[in-house]
Amino acid sequence: MKAWARILTGIYLWAGFSASAMAAAYDIKQMTPEIEQAFQNRQGRYQELQSLKAQGHLGEDNRGYVYAHDPSAASFAETENSDRGVLYRAIVDQNGLGPQGLAQVQAVFAEVQREKARPGDSIQLPDGTWVKK
């Protein structure tokens, strides 16, 4: 298996999808350097992301991005969200999902993040309400 395929599979599993389920729904057909870098960046930030969530500084919003509840985490959120955006747009573009595709991909990933959230993590429900899981 190529290195990028291992990374992709690891990210899908980390995101709560089996690799086959994710591939059936949304597939990254071409691993560009930008996409590979976004995966690697996210993988490198994973422990800090979990720590910031546990401290209540970050939450998962209802569009598949992290939200900084604390200004000290704003820069981290911006960086994480930039990489998530790269991946979401790549899925939309490479799968020809059209104008509504980005919202669709964001909603799917937001749901996955809500399901994966640990007890006490801040999550935003589809209606916009923030709760602790």
N, C-alpha and C. Protein backbone atom coordinates (compact mmCIF):
# COMPACT_ATOMS: atom_id res chain seq x y z
N MET A 1 0.85 -1.17 0.00
CA MET A 1 0.00 0.00 0.00
C MET A 1 0.90 1.23 0.00
N LYS A 2 0.59 2.20 -0.85
CA LYS A 2 1.36 3.43 -0.91
C LYS A 2 1.21 4.19 0.40
N ALA A 3 2.21 5.03 0.69
CA ALA A 3 2.19 5.80 1.94
C ALA A 3 0.94 6.66 2.05
N TRP A 4 0.55 7.33 0.96
CA TRP A 4 -0.63 8.20 1.03
C TRP A 4 -1.89 7.40 1.25
N ALA A 5 -1.94 6.18 0.73
CA ALA A 5 -3.12 5.33 0.92
C ALA A 5 -3.24 4.90 2.38
N ARG A 6 -2.09 4.62 3.02
CA ARG A 6 -2.10 4.28 4.45
C ARG A 6 -2.57 5.47 5.27
N ILE A 7 -2.09 6.66 4.91
CA ILE A 7 -2.50 7.87 5.62
C ILE A 7 -3.99 8.09 5.44
N LEU A 8 -4.47 7.97 4.22
CA LEU A 8 -5.88 8.17 3.92
C LEU A 8 -6.74 7.18 4.70
N THR A 9 -6.35 5.92 4.69
CA THR A 9 -7.10 4.90 5.43
C THR A 9 -7.08 5.21 6.92
N GLY A 10 -5.93 5.62 7.44
CA GLY A 10 -5.84 5.98 8.85
C GLY A 10 -6.73 7.15 9.21
N ILE A 11 -6.78 8.15 8.34
CA ILE A 11 -7.63 9.31 8.60
C ILE A 11 -9.10 8.91 8.55
N TYR A 12 -9.48 8.09 7.59
CA TYR A 12 -10.88 7.64 7.52
C TYR A 12 -11.27 6.89 8.79
N LEU A 13 -10.39 6.01 9.22
CA LEU A 13 -10.68 5.26 10.44
C LEU A 13 -10.72 6.19 11.64
N TRP A 14 -9.79 7.15 11.69
CA TRP A 14 -9.78 8.14 12.76
C TRP A 14 -11.06 8.96 12.74
N ALA A 15 -11.57 9.24 11.56
CA ALA A 15 -12.79 10.04 11.44
C ALA A 15 -14.03 9.23 11.74
N GLY A 16 -13.88 7.93 11.95
CA GLY A 16 -15.03 7.12 12.32
C GLY A 16 -15.63 6.33 11.17
N PHE A 17 -15.04 6.40 10.02
CA PHE A 17 -15.52 5.64 8.87
C PHE A 17 -14.65 4.42 8.68
N SER A 18 -15.23 3.33 8.22
CA SER A 18 -14.37 2.26 7.72
C SER A 18 -13.88 2.75 6.36
N ALA A 19 -12.72 2.29 5.96
CA ALA A 19 -12.18 2.75 4.68
C ALA A 19 -13.13 2.43 3.54
N SER A 20 -13.77 1.27 3.57
CA SER A 20 -14.68 0.92 2.48
C SER A 20 -15.94 1.77 2.49
N ALA A 21 -16.46 2.09 3.67
CA ALA A 21 -17.66 2.93 3.74
C ALA A 21 -17.34 4.33 3.24
N MET A 22 -16.19 4.86 3.64
CA MET A 22 -15.82 6.19 3.20
C MET A 22 -15.60 6.21 1.70
N ALA A 23 -14.92 5.20 1.18
CA ALA A 23 -14.65 5.15 -0.25
C ALA A 23 -15.94 5.06 -1.04
N ALA A 24 -16.93 4.37 -0.51
CA ALA A 24 -18.20 4.24 -1.21
C ALA A 24 -18.95 5.56 -1.24
N ALA A 25 -18.81 6.36 -0.17
CA ALA A 25 -19.54 7.61 -0.09
C ALA A 25 -18.76 8.76 -0.74
N TYR A 26 -17.56 8.96 -0.31
CA TYR A 26 -16.72 10.05 -0.79
C TYR A 26 -15.32 9.51 -0.96
N ASP A 27 -14.74 9.75 -2.11
CA ASP A 27 -13.44 9.18 -2.40
C ASP A 27 -12.49 10.28 -2.85
N ILE A 28 -11.28 10.25 -2.33
CA ILE A 28 -10.23 11.10 -2.87
C ILE A 28 -9.57 10.29 -3.97
N LYS A 29 -9.79 10.73 -5.17
CA LYS A 29 -9.35 9.97 -6.34
C LYS A 29 -7.90 10.27 -6.71
N GLN A 30 -7.43 11.46 -6.37
CA GLN A 30 -6.06 11.84 -6.69
C GLN A 30 -5.45 12.47 -5.45
N MET A 31 -4.40 11.87 -4.95
CA MET A 31 -3.72 12.37 -3.76
C MET A 31 -2.70 13.42 -4.20
N THR A 32 -3.10 14.67 -4.14
CA THR A 32 -2.21 15.76 -4.51
C THR A 32 -1.29 16.07 -3.33
N PRO A 33 -0.21 16.79 -3.59
CA PRO A 33 0.67 17.19 -2.47
C PRO A 33 -0.09 18.00 -1.41
N GLU A 34 -1.02 18.85 -1.83
CA GLU A 34 -1.80 19.66 -0.88
C GLU A 34 -2.67 18.77 0.01
N ILE A 35 -3.30 17.77 -0.57
CA ILE A 35 -4.15 16.86 0.19
C ILE A 35 -3.30 16.02 1.15
N GLU A 36 -2.21 15.49 0.64
CA GLU A 36 -1.33 14.68 1.49
C GLU A 36 -0.81 15.51 2.66
N GLN A 37 -0.45 16.77 2.39
CA GLN A 37 0.04 17.64 3.46
C GLN A 37 -1.05 17.90 4.49
N ALA A 38 -2.28 18.10 4.05
CA ALA A 38 -3.39 18.34 4.98
C ALA A 38 -3.59 17.12 5.89
N PHE A 39 -3.52 15.92 5.33
CA PHE A 39 -3.64 14.71 6.14
C PHE A 39 -2.51 14.63 7.17
N GLN A 40 -1.30 14.88 6.72
CA GLN A 40 -0.15 14.80 7.62
C GLN A 40 -0.23 15.86 8.72
N ASN A 41 -0.64 17.06 8.34
CA ASN A 41 -0.78 18.13 9.33
C ASN A 41 -1.80 17.75 10.41
N ARG A 42 -2.93 17.21 9.98
CA ARG A 42 -3.98 16.84 10.94
C ARG A 42 -3.50 15.72 11.84
N GLN A 43 -2.81 14.77 11.27
CA GLN A 43 -2.29 13.66 12.06
C GLN A 43 -1.32 14.18 13.12
N GLY A 44 -0.49 15.14 12.76
CA GLY A 44 0.48 15.70 13.69
C GLY A 44 -0.15 16.53 14.80
N ARG A 45 -1.35 17.04 14.57
CA ARG A 45 -2.04 17.87 15.56
C ARG A 45 -3.01 17.08 16.43
N TYR A 46 -3.21 15.82 16.16
CA TYR A 46 -4.28 15.06 16.79
C TYR A 46 -4.26 15.14 18.32
N GLN A 47 -3.11 14.90 18.93
CA GLN A 47 -3.03 14.89 20.41
C GLN A 47 -3.36 16.27 20.98
N GLU A 48 -2.85 17.31 20.35
CA GLU A 48 -3.15 18.67 20.84
C GLU A 48 -4.64 18.99 20.66
N LEU A 49 -5.20 18.55 19.55
CA LEU A 49 -6.64 18.75 19.32
C LEU A 49 -7.45 18.12 20.44
N GLN A 50 -7.12 16.88 20.77
CA GLN A 50 -7.85 16.19 21.83
C GLN A 50 -7.68 16.89 23.18
N SER A 51 -6.49 17.36 23.43
CA SER A 51 -6.21 18.06 24.69
C SER A 51 -7.01 19.36 24.77
N LEU A 52 -7.03 20.13 23.70
CA LEU A 52 -7.77 21.39 23.69
C LEU A 52 -9.27 21.16 23.83
N LYS A 53 -9.77 20.08 23.25
CA LYS A 53 -11.18 19.74 23.42
C LYS A 53 -11.46 19.38 24.87
N ALA A 54 -10.60 18.56 25.47
CA ALA A 54 -10.78 18.12 26.85
C ALA A 54 -10.76 19.30 27.81
N GLN A 55 -9.98 20.33 27.49
CA GLN A 55 -9.90 21.53 28.33
C GLN A 55 -11.06 22.49 28.09
N GLY A 56 -11.89 22.19 27.08
CA GLY A 56 -13.03 23.05 26.78
C GLY A 56 -12.69 24.24 25.91
N HIS A 57 -11.47 24.27 25.36
CA HIS A 57 -11.06 25.39 24.52
C HIS A 57 -11.60 25.28 23.10
N LEU A 58 -11.86 24.05 22.66
CA LEU A 58 -12.36 23.81 21.31
C LEU A 58 -13.59 22.93 21.36
N GLY A 59 -14.45 23.11 20.37
CA GLY A 59 -15.59 22.23 20.19
C GLY A 59 -15.75 21.91 18.72
N GLU A 60 -16.53 20.89 18.44
CA GLU A 60 -16.82 20.51 17.05
C GLU A 60 -18.12 21.18 16.63
N ASP A 61 -18.07 22.01 15.59
CA ASP A 61 -19.28 22.70 15.18
C ASP A 61 -20.13 21.85 14.24
N ASN A 62 -21.26 22.37 13.83
CA ASN A 62 -22.20 21.60 13.02
C ASN A 62 -21.91 21.68 11.53
N ARG A 63 -20.72 22.15 11.17
CA ARG A 63 -20.31 22.17 9.77
C ARG A 63 -19.02 21.38 9.54
N GLY A 64 -18.59 20.63 10.55
CA GLY A 64 -17.41 19.79 10.39
C GLY A 64 -16.09 20.48 10.68
N TYR A 65 -16.15 21.60 11.37
CA TYR A 65 -14.94 22.34 11.72
C TYR A 65 -14.85 22.46 13.24
N VAL A 66 -13.67 22.83 13.74
CA VAL A 66 -13.54 23.10 15.16
C VAL A 66 -13.84 24.57 15.42
N TYR A 67 -14.39 24.81 16.59
CA TYR A 67 -14.74 26.16 17.00
C TYR A 67 -13.96 26.49 18.26
N ALA A 68 -13.35 27.67 18.28
CA ALA A 68 -12.57 28.09 19.44
C ALA A 68 -13.48 28.78 20.44
N HIS A 69 -13.74 28.09 21.54
CA HIS A 69 -14.51 28.69 22.63
C HIS A 69 -13.64 29.65 23.42
N ASP A 70 -12.34 29.47 23.32
CA ASP A 70 -11.38 30.29 24.04
C ASP A 70 -10.46 30.95 23.01
N PRO A 71 -10.27 32.28 23.12
CA PRO A 71 -9.41 32.96 22.14
C PRO A 71 -8.00 32.39 22.04
N SER A 72 -7.52 31.76 23.11
CA SER A 72 -6.18 31.19 23.06
C SER A 72 -6.08 30.03 22.08
N ALA A 73 -7.21 29.46 21.69
CA ALA A 73 -7.21 28.33 20.76
C ALA A 73 -7.58 28.74 19.34
N ALA A 74 -7.79 30.02 19.11
CA ALA A 74 -8.26 30.49 17.80
C ALA A 74 -7.27 30.17 16.68
N SER A 75 -5.99 30.36 16.91
CA SER A 75 -4.99 30.09 15.89
C SER A 75 -4.95 28.60 15.54
N PHE A 76 -5.03 27.77 16.58
CA PHE A 76 -5.05 26.32 16.36
C PHE A 76 -6.27 25.96 15.52
N ALA A 77 -7.44 26.50 15.88
CA ALA A 77 -8.68 26.20 15.15
C ALA A 77 -8.57 26.62 13.69
N GLU A 78 -8.00 27.78 13.46
CA GLU A 78 -7.85 28.27 12.09
C GLU A 78 -6.99 27.33 11.25
N THR A 79 -5.91 26.87 11.84
CA THR A 79 -5.00 25.96 11.12
C THR A 79 -5.68 24.62 10.86
N GLU A 80 -6.33 24.05 11.88
CA GLU A 80 -7.04 22.78 11.71
C GLU A 80 -8.14 22.91 10.66
N ASN A 81 -8.90 23.99 10.74
CA ASN A 81 -10.00 24.18 9.81
C ASN A 81 -9.53 24.40 8.37
N SER A 82 -8.39 25.00 8.22
CA SER A 82 -7.82 25.17 6.88
C SER A 82 -7.55 23.81 6.24
N ASP A 83 -6.94 22.91 7.02
CA ASP A 83 -6.66 21.57 6.49
C ASP A 83 -7.94 20.77 6.26
N ARG A 84 -8.90 20.90 7.16
CA ARG A 84 -10.18 20.22 6.93
C ARG A 84 -10.83 20.74 5.65
N GLY A 85 -10.75 22.04 5.43
CA GLY A 85 -11.32 22.63 4.22
C GLY A 85 -10.67 22.09 2.96
N VAL A 86 -9.36 21.91 2.99
CA VAL A 86 -8.66 21.32 1.84
C VAL A 86 -9.25 19.95 1.52
N LEU A 87 -9.43 19.14 2.55
CA LEU A 87 -9.94 17.78 2.35
C LEU A 87 -11.39 17.80 1.89
N TYR A 88 -12.21 18.63 2.49
CA TYR A 88 -13.63 18.70 2.11
C TYR A 88 -13.78 19.15 0.66
N ARG A 89 -13.02 20.18 0.27
CA ARG A 89 -13.12 20.68 -1.11
C ARG A 89 -12.60 19.64 -2.10
N ALA A 90 -11.56 18.91 -1.72
CA ALA A 90 -11.03 17.87 -2.60
C ALA A 90 -12.08 16.78 -2.82
N ILE A 91 -12.76 16.39 -1.77
CA ILE A 91 -13.81 15.37 -1.91
C ILE A 91 -14.91 15.88 -2.83
N VAL A 92 -15.32 17.11 -2.64
CA VAL A 92 -16.37 17.70 -3.48
C VAL A 92 -15.92 17.75 -4.94
N ASP A 93 -14.75 18.32 -5.16
CA ASP A 93 -14.25 18.48 -6.53
C ASP A 93 -14.01 17.15 -7.22
N GLN A 94 -13.36 16.23 -6.54
CA GLN A 94 -12.98 14.97 -7.18
C GLN A 94 -14.15 14.02 -7.37
N ASN A 95 -15.25 14.28 -6.68
CA ASN A 95 -16.43 13.42 -6.83
C ASN A 95 -17.56 14.13 -7.57
N GLY A 96 -17.30 15.34 -8.08
CA GLY A 96 -18.29 16.07 -8.86
C GLY A 96 -19.60 16.26 -8.10
N LEU A 97 -19.51 16.67 -6.85
CA LEU A 97 -20.71 16.77 -6.01
C LEU A 97 -21.52 18.04 -6.24
N GLY A 98 -21.01 18.95 -7.04
CA GLY A 98 -21.77 20.12 -7.42
C GLY A 98 -21.88 21.17 -6.33
N PRO A 99 -22.76 22.16 -6.58
CA PRO A 99 -22.86 23.33 -5.70
C PRO A 99 -23.24 23.00 -4.25
N GLN A 100 -24.02 21.99 -4.04
CA GLN A 100 -24.44 21.63 -2.68
C GLN A 100 -23.48 20.64 -2.02
N GLY A 101 -22.47 20.23 -2.75
CA GLY A 101 -21.56 19.21 -2.27
C GLY A 101 -20.81 19.56 -1.01
N LEU A 102 -20.33 20.80 -0.92
CA LEU A 102 -19.54 21.17 0.25
C LEU A 102 -20.39 21.09 1.51
N ALA A 103 -21.60 21.61 1.47
CA ALA A 103 -22.48 21.54 2.65
C ALA A 103 -22.77 20.08 3.01
N GLN A 104 -22.93 19.25 2.02
CA GLN A 104 -23.21 17.83 2.24
C GLN A 104 -22.01 17.15 2.91
N VAL A 105 -20.82 17.39 2.42
CA VAL A 105 -19.62 16.79 2.99
C VAL A 105 -19.41 17.32 4.41
N GLN A 106 -19.58 18.61 4.60
CA GLN A 106 -19.43 19.18 5.94
C GLN A 106 -20.41 18.55 6.92
N ALA A 107 -21.65 18.36 6.50
CA ALA A 107 -22.65 17.77 7.39
C ALA A 107 -22.28 16.34 7.77
N VAL A 108 -21.79 15.57 6.83
CA VAL A 108 -21.39 14.19 7.11
C VAL A 108 -20.24 14.18 8.12
N PHE A 109 -19.23 15.01 7.88
CA PHE A 109 -18.09 15.03 8.80
C PHE A 109 -18.47 15.60 10.16
N ALA A 110 -19.39 16.56 10.20
CA ALA A 110 -19.85 17.08 11.49
C ALA A 110 -20.53 15.98 12.29
N GLU A 111 -21.33 15.17 11.62
CA GLU A 111 -22.01 14.07 12.30
C GLU A 111 -20.99 13.06 12.86
N VAL A 112 -20.00 12.76 12.06
CA VAL A 112 -18.96 11.83 12.50
C VAL A 112 -18.24 12.39 13.72
N GLN A 113 -17.91 13.67 13.69
CA GLN A 113 -17.20 14.28 14.82
C GLN A 113 -18.08 14.29 16.08
N ARG A 114 -19.37 14.53 15.92
CA ARG A 114 -20.27 14.48 17.08
C ARG A 114 -20.30 13.08 17.67
N GLU A 115 -20.38 12.07 16.81
CA GLU A 115 -20.43 10.69 17.28
C GLU A 115 -19.13 10.29 17.97
N LYS A 116 -18.00 10.77 17.47
CA LYS A 116 -16.70 10.41 18.00
C LYS A 116 -16.32 11.21 19.23
N ALA A 117 -17.02 12.28 19.49
CA ALA A 117 -16.66 13.15 20.62
C ALA A 117 -16.63 12.35 21.91
N ARG A 118 -15.71 12.72 22.75
CA ARG A 118 -15.56 12.06 24.05
C ARG A 118 -16.51 12.70 25.05
N PRO A 119 -16.84 11.98 26.10
CA PRO A 119 -17.69 12.58 27.14
C PRO A 119 -17.07 13.88 27.65
N GLY A 120 -17.89 14.91 27.71
CA GLY A 120 -17.43 16.22 28.16
C GLY A 120 -17.01 17.14 27.04
N ASP A 121 -16.79 16.61 25.82
CA ASP A 121 -16.44 17.45 24.68
C ASP A 121 -17.62 18.32 24.29
N SER A 122 -17.31 19.50 23.81
CA SER A 122 -18.31 20.44 23.33
C SER A 122 -18.63 20.13 21.86
N ILE A 123 -19.92 19.96 21.59
CA ILE A 123 -20.36 19.69 20.22
C ILE A 123 -21.56 20.59 19.90
N GLN A 124 -21.66 20.94 18.64
CA GLN A 124 -22.79 21.75 18.19
C GLN A 124 -23.76 20.84 17.44
N LEU A 125 -24.99 20.84 17.88
CA LEU A 125 -26.02 20.04 17.23
C LEU A 125 -26.42 20.66 15.90
N PRO A 126 -27.07 19.90 15.03
CA PRO A 126 -27.47 20.45 13.73
C PRO A 126 -28.30 21.74 13.85
N ASP A 127 -29.06 21.89 14.94
CA ASP A 127 -29.88 23.11 15.09
C ASP A 127 -29.10 24.30 15.61
N GLY A 128 -27.79 24.15 15.87
CA GLY A 128 -26.95 25.24 16.33
C GLY A 128 -26.72 25.27 17.82
N THR A 129 -27.40 24.44 18.58
CA THR A 129 -27.24 24.38 20.03
C THR A 129 -25.91 23.72 20.39
N TRP A 130 -25.19 24.33 21.34
CA TRP A 130 -23.95 23.77 21.84
C TRP A 130 -24.27 22.96 23.10
N VAL A 131 -23.74 21.74 23.17
CA VAL A 131 -23.94 20.87 24.33
C VAL A 131 -22.61 20.18 24.65
N LYS A 132 -22.55 19.63 25.85
CA LYS A 132 -21.43 18.77 26.23
C LYS A 132 -21.89 17.34 26.02
N LYS A 133 -21.06 16.56 25.39
CA LYS A 133 -21.43 15.17 25.15
C LYS A 133 -21.32 14.39 26.44
